[in-house]
Amino acid sequence: MTTTPTKLDPAIAKALDQGHTIDITTIGRKSGEPRRIEIVFFNFGGRLYISGMPSAERTRAWLHNMRANPSFTFHLKQGVHADLPAIATEVTEPVHRRQVIEQVAKAWRRDPDVMFTDSPLVEVTIDGYGAAAH
């Protein structure tokens, strides 16, 4: 049985078309409790990404949580308010990772080589948005 992707409200789809500050809620990998943080997402060519500033010393708790449980909530909070179920896929394949990190680094005016090595990067899938919606 195949399922038809849900159709997003046009205002939500428009909000996803541009990256900005959001909140995400992951499930704590040890506690099992919801963990909500503020973060920025990017939209490159209709694909959604979450990254972070480089840090060689630590991996963010949110990334550990997503590795343990890729389902999370993507909270739009600027203009349009919506809590969207989402799936995270860590971007580790070097060519894809390099292409996306270079765009993130340009947006943040950071060194792409440092970001490639030391920044988290996940692609976000939201039912009814992007390639999955077509």
C-alpha atoms as a PDB file:
ATOM      1  CA  MET A   1       0.000   0.000   0.000  1.00  0.00           C
ATOM      2  CA  THR A   2       1.401   3.407  -0.935  1.00  0.00           C
ATOM      3  CA  THR A   3       0.491   6.592   0.826  1.00  0.00           C
ATOM      4  CA  THR A   4      -0.066   9.946  -0.769  1.00  0.00           C
ATOM      5  CA  PRO A   5       2.038  12.736   0.762  1.00  0.00           C
ATOM      6  CA  THR A   6       0.022  15.299   2.646  1.00  0.00           C
ATOM      7  CA  LYS A   7      -0.419  18.724   1.087  1.00  0.00           C
ATOM      8  CA  LEU A   8       1.004  21.497   3.232  1.00  0.00           C
ATOM      9  CA  ASP A   9      -0.847  24.712   3.848  1.00  0.00           C
ATOM     10  CA  PRO A  10       0.549  27.249   1.310  1.00  0.00           C
ATOM     11  CA  ALA A  11       1.623  29.617   4.109  1.00  0.00           C
ATOM     12  CA  ILE A  12       3.668  26.826   5.730  1.00  0.00           C
ATOM     13  CA  ALA A  13       5.222  25.847   2.400  1.00  0.00           C
ATOM     14  CA  LYS A  14       6.144  29.498   1.777  1.00  0.00           C
ATOM     15  CA  ALA A  15       7.758  29.740   5.253  1.00  0.00           C
ATOM     16  CA  LEU A  16       9.818  26.622   4.491  1.00  0.00           C
ATOM     17  CA  ASP A  17      10.980  28.144   1.212  1.00  0.00           C
ATOM     18  CA  GLN A  18      13.266  30.508   3.143  1.00  0.00           C
ATOM     19  CA  GLY A  19      15.653  29.570   5.904  1.00  0.00           C
ATOM     20  CA  HIS A  20      15.306  31.286   9.260  1.00  0.00           C
ATOM     21  CA  THR A  21      15.289  30.679  12.988  1.00  0.00           C
ATOM     22  CA  ILE A  22      13.146  27.823  14.242  1.00  0.00           C
ATOM     23  CA  ASP A  23      12.930  25.575  17.258  1.00  0.00           C
ATOM     24  CA  ILE A  24      13.358  21.831  17.086  1.00  0.00           C
ATOM     25  CA  THR A  25      12.267  19.251  19.608  1.00  0.00           C
ATOM     26  CA  THR A  26      14.241  16.027  19.680  1.00  0.00           C
ATOM     27  CA  ILE A  27      13.830  13.110  22.065  1.00  0.00           C
ATOM     28  CA  GLY A  28      16.718  12.753  24.497  1.00  0.00           C
ATOM     29  CA  ARG A  29      18.692   9.646  23.606  1.00  0.00           C
ATOM     30  CA  LYS A  30      19.286   8.773  27.269  1.00  0.00           C
ATOM     31  CA  SER A  31      16.366  10.417  29.068  1.00  0.00           C
ATOM     32  CA  GLY A  32      13.628   9.817  26.505  1.00  0.00           C
ATOM     33  CA  GLU A  33      12.407  13.320  27.354  1.00  0.00           C
ATOM     34  CA  PRO A  34      11.655  16.043  24.772  1.00  0.00           C
ATOM     35  CA  ARG A  35      14.488  18.532  24.271  1.00  0.00           C
ATOM     36  CA  ARG A  36      13.664  21.835  22.563  1.00  0.00           C
ATOM     37  CA  ILE A  37      16.290  24.248  21.237  1.00  0.00           C
ATOM     38  CA  GLU A  38      16.459  27.235  18.914  1.00  0.00           C
ATOM     39  CA  ILE A  39      18.390  26.723  15.687  1.00  0.00           C
ATOM     40  CA  VAL A  40      18.566  27.975  12.085  1.00  0.00           C
ATOM     41  CA  PHE A  41      17.488  26.036   9.032  1.00  0.00           C
ATOM     42  CA  PHE A  42      18.452  26.549   5.406  1.00  0.00           C
ATOM     43  CA  ASN A  43      16.614  25.862   2.174  1.00  0.00           C
ATOM     44  CA  PHE A  44      18.874  25.116  -0.770  1.00  0.00           C
ATOM     45  CA  GLY A  45      17.031  24.200  -3.948  1.00  0.00           C
ATOM     46  CA  GLY A  46      13.920  23.056  -2.099  1.00  0.00           C
ATOM     47  CA  ARG A  47      15.871  20.832   0.313  1.00  0.00           C
ATOM     48  CA  LEU A  48      15.920  21.660   4.024  1.00  0.00           C
ATOM     49  CA  TYR A  49      19.053  21.501   6.166  1.00  0.00           C
ATOM     50  CA  ILE A  50      20.083  22.176   9.748  1.00  0.00           C
ATOM     51  CA  SER A  51      23.713  22.872  10.553  1.00  0.00           C
ATOM     52  CA  GLY A  52      25.687  24.580  13.277  1.00  0.00           C
ATOM     53  CA  MET A  53      28.849  26.502  13.923  1.00  0.00           C
ATOM     54  CA  PRO A  54      32.025  24.421  13.813  1.00  0.00           C
ATOM     55  CA  SER A  55      33.263  22.799  17.010  1.00  0.00           C
ATOM     56  CA  ALA A  56      35.971  20.140  17.025  1.00  0.00           C
ATOM     57  CA  GLU A  57      35.536  19.661  20.777  1.00  0.00           C
ATOM     58  CA  ARG A  58      31.937  18.464  20.916  1.00  0.00           C
ATOM     59  CA  THR A  59      29.033  16.993  19.064  1.00  0.00           C
ATOM     60  CA  ARG A  60      25.770  18.714  19.848  1.00  0.00           C
ATOM     61  CA  ALA A  61      23.204  16.910  21.967  1.00  0.00           C
ATOM     62  CA  TRP A  62      20.561  17.541  19.301  1.00  0.00           C
ATOM     63  CA  LEU A  63      22.644  15.645  16.755  1.00  0.00           C
ATOM     64  CA  HIS A  64      23.193  12.738  19.156  1.00  0.00           C
ATOM     65  CA  ASN A  65      19.446  12.696  19.777  1.00  0.00           C
ATOM     66  CA  MET A  66      18.677  12.684  16.036  1.00  0.00           C
ATOM     67  CA  ARG A  67      21.141   9.860  15.472  1.00  0.00           C
ATOM     68  CA  ALA A  68      19.312   7.798  18.098  1.00  0.00           C
ATOM     69  CA  ASN A  69      15.821   8.837  16.949  1.00  0.00           C
ATOM     70  CA  PRO A  70      15.610  10.707  13.631  1.00  0.00           C
ATOM     71  CA  SER A  71      11.973  11.725  14.177  1.00  0.00           C
ATOM     72  CA  PHE A  72      11.650  15.224  15.609  1.00  0.00           C
ATOM     73  CA  THR A  73       9.403  18.285  15.583  1.00  0.00           C
ATOM     74  CA  PHE A  74      10.252  21.273  13.386  1.00  0.00           C
ATOM     75  CA  HIS A  75       8.657  24.372  14.945  1.00  0.00           C
ATOM     76  CA  LEU A  76       8.046  27.338  12.654  1.00  0.00           C
ATOM     77  CA  LYS A  77       7.810  30.488  14.755  1.00  0.00           C
ATOM     78  CA  GLN A  78       8.439  33.498  12.517  1.00  0.00           C
ATOM     79  CA  GLY A  79       5.316  34.769  10.797  1.00  0.00           C
ATOM     80  CA  VAL A  80       3.730  31.347  10.465  1.00  0.00           C
ATOM     81  CA  HIS A  81       3.505  29.160  13.548  1.00  0.00           C
ATOM     82  CA  ALA A  82       3.392  25.411  13.006  1.00  0.00           C
ATOM     83  CA  ASP A  83       4.692  22.243  14.637  1.00  0.00           C
ATOM     84  CA  LEU A  84       5.698  19.898  11.825  1.00  0.00           C
ATOM     85  CA  PRO A  85       6.695  16.262  12.212  1.00  0.00           C
ATOM     86  CA  ALA A  86      10.062  15.786  10.524  1.00  0.00           C
ATOM     87  CA  ILE A  87      12.762  13.223   9.875  1.00  0.00           C
ATOM     88  CA  ALA A  88      16.492  13.983  10.086  1.00  0.00           C
ATOM     89  CA  THR A  89      19.117  12.327   7.920  1.00  0.00           C
ATOM     90  CA  GLU A  90      22.694  13.142   8.818  1.00  0.00           C
ATOM     91  CA  VAL A  91      24.665  14.221   5.743  1.00  0.00           C
ATOM     92  CA  THR A  92      27.937  12.294   5.776  1.00  0.00           C
ATOM     93  CA  GLU A  93      28.510  11.464   2.087  1.00  0.00           C
ATOM     94  CA  PRO A  94      31.507  13.701   1.281  1.00  0.00           C
ATOM     95  CA  VAL A  95      30.437  15.207  -2.073  1.00  0.00           C
ATOM     96  CA  HIS A  96      26.898  16.060  -0.921  1.00  0.00           C
ATOM     97  CA  ARG A  97      28.196  17.292   2.440  1.00  0.00           C
ATOM     98  CA  ARG A  98      30.774  19.553   0.747  1.00  0.00           C
ATOM     99  CA  GLN A  99      28.159  21.056  -1.601  1.00  0.00           C
ATOM    100  CA  VAL A 100      25.787  21.912   1.238  1.00  0.00           C
ATOM    101  CA  ILE A 101      28.434  23.043   3.734  1.00  0.00           C
ATOM    102  CA  GLU A 102      29.871  25.454   1.170  1.00  0.00           C
ATOM    103  CA  GLN A 103      26.441  27.118   0.922  1.00  0.00           C
ATOM    104  CA  VAL A 104      26.059  27.261   4.713  1.00  0.00           C
ATOM    105  CA  ALA A 105      29.593  28.636   5.103  1.00  0.00           C
ATOM    106  CA  LYS A 106      28.882  31.335   2.510  1.00  0.00           C
ATOM    107  CA  ALA A 107      25.679  32.358   4.311  1.00  0.00           C
ATOM    108  CA  TRP A 108      27.522  32.570   7.635  1.00  0.00           C
ATOM    109  CA  ARG A 109      30.787  33.947   6.190  1.00  0.00           C
ATOM    110  CA  ARG A 110      32.784  31.056   7.623  1.00  0.00           C
ATOM    111  CA  ASP A 111      35.635  28.920   6.338  1.00  0.00           C
ATOM    112  CA  PRO A 112      34.018  26.034   4.414  1.00  0.00           C
ATOM    113  CA  ASP A 113      36.951  23.686   5.117  1.00  0.00           C
ATOM    114  CA  VAL A 114      36.582  24.147   8.872  1.00  0.00           C
ATOM    115  CA  MET A 115      32.807  23.747   8.643  1.00  0.00           C
ATOM    116  CA  PHE A 116      33.187  20.621   6.482  1.00  0.00           C
ATOM    117  CA  THR A 117      35.306  19.023   9.186  1.00  0.00           C
ATOM    118  CA  ASP A 118      33.666  20.325  12.363  1.00  0.00           C
ATOM    119  CA  SER A 119      30.010  21.306  11.746  1.00  0.00           C
ATOM    120  CA  PRO A 120      26.934  19.127  12.116  1.00  0.00           C
ATOM    121  CA  LEU A 121      24.711  18.774   9.055  1.00  0.00           C
ATOM    122  CA  VAL A 122      21.352  17.070   8.678  1.00  0.00           C
ATOM    123  CA  GLU A 123      18.834  17.070   5.877  1.00  0.00           C
ATOM    124  CA  VAL A 124      15.239  17.474   7.010  1.00  0.00           C
ATOM    125  CA  THR A 125      12.290  15.719   5.432  1.00  0.00           C
ATOM    126  CA  ILE A 126       8.807  17.108   6.047  1.00  0.00           C
ATOM    127  CA  ASP A 127       5.899  15.206   4.517  1.00  0.00           C
ATOM    128  CA  GLY A 128       4.285  17.258   1.780  1.00  0.00           C
ATOM    129  CA  TYR A 129       7.271  19.554   1.179  1.00  0.00           C
ATOM    130  CA  GLY A 130      10.090  19.504  -1.362  1.00  0.00           C
ATOM    131  CA  ALA A 131      10.922  16.557  -3.584  1.00  0.00           C
ATOM    132  CA  ALA A 132       8.807  14.197  -1.437  1.00  0.00           C
ATOM    133  CA  ALA A 133       5.717  16.285  -2.263  1.00  0.00           C
ATOM    134  CA  HIS A 134       6.020  15.874  -6.043  1.00  0.00           C
END
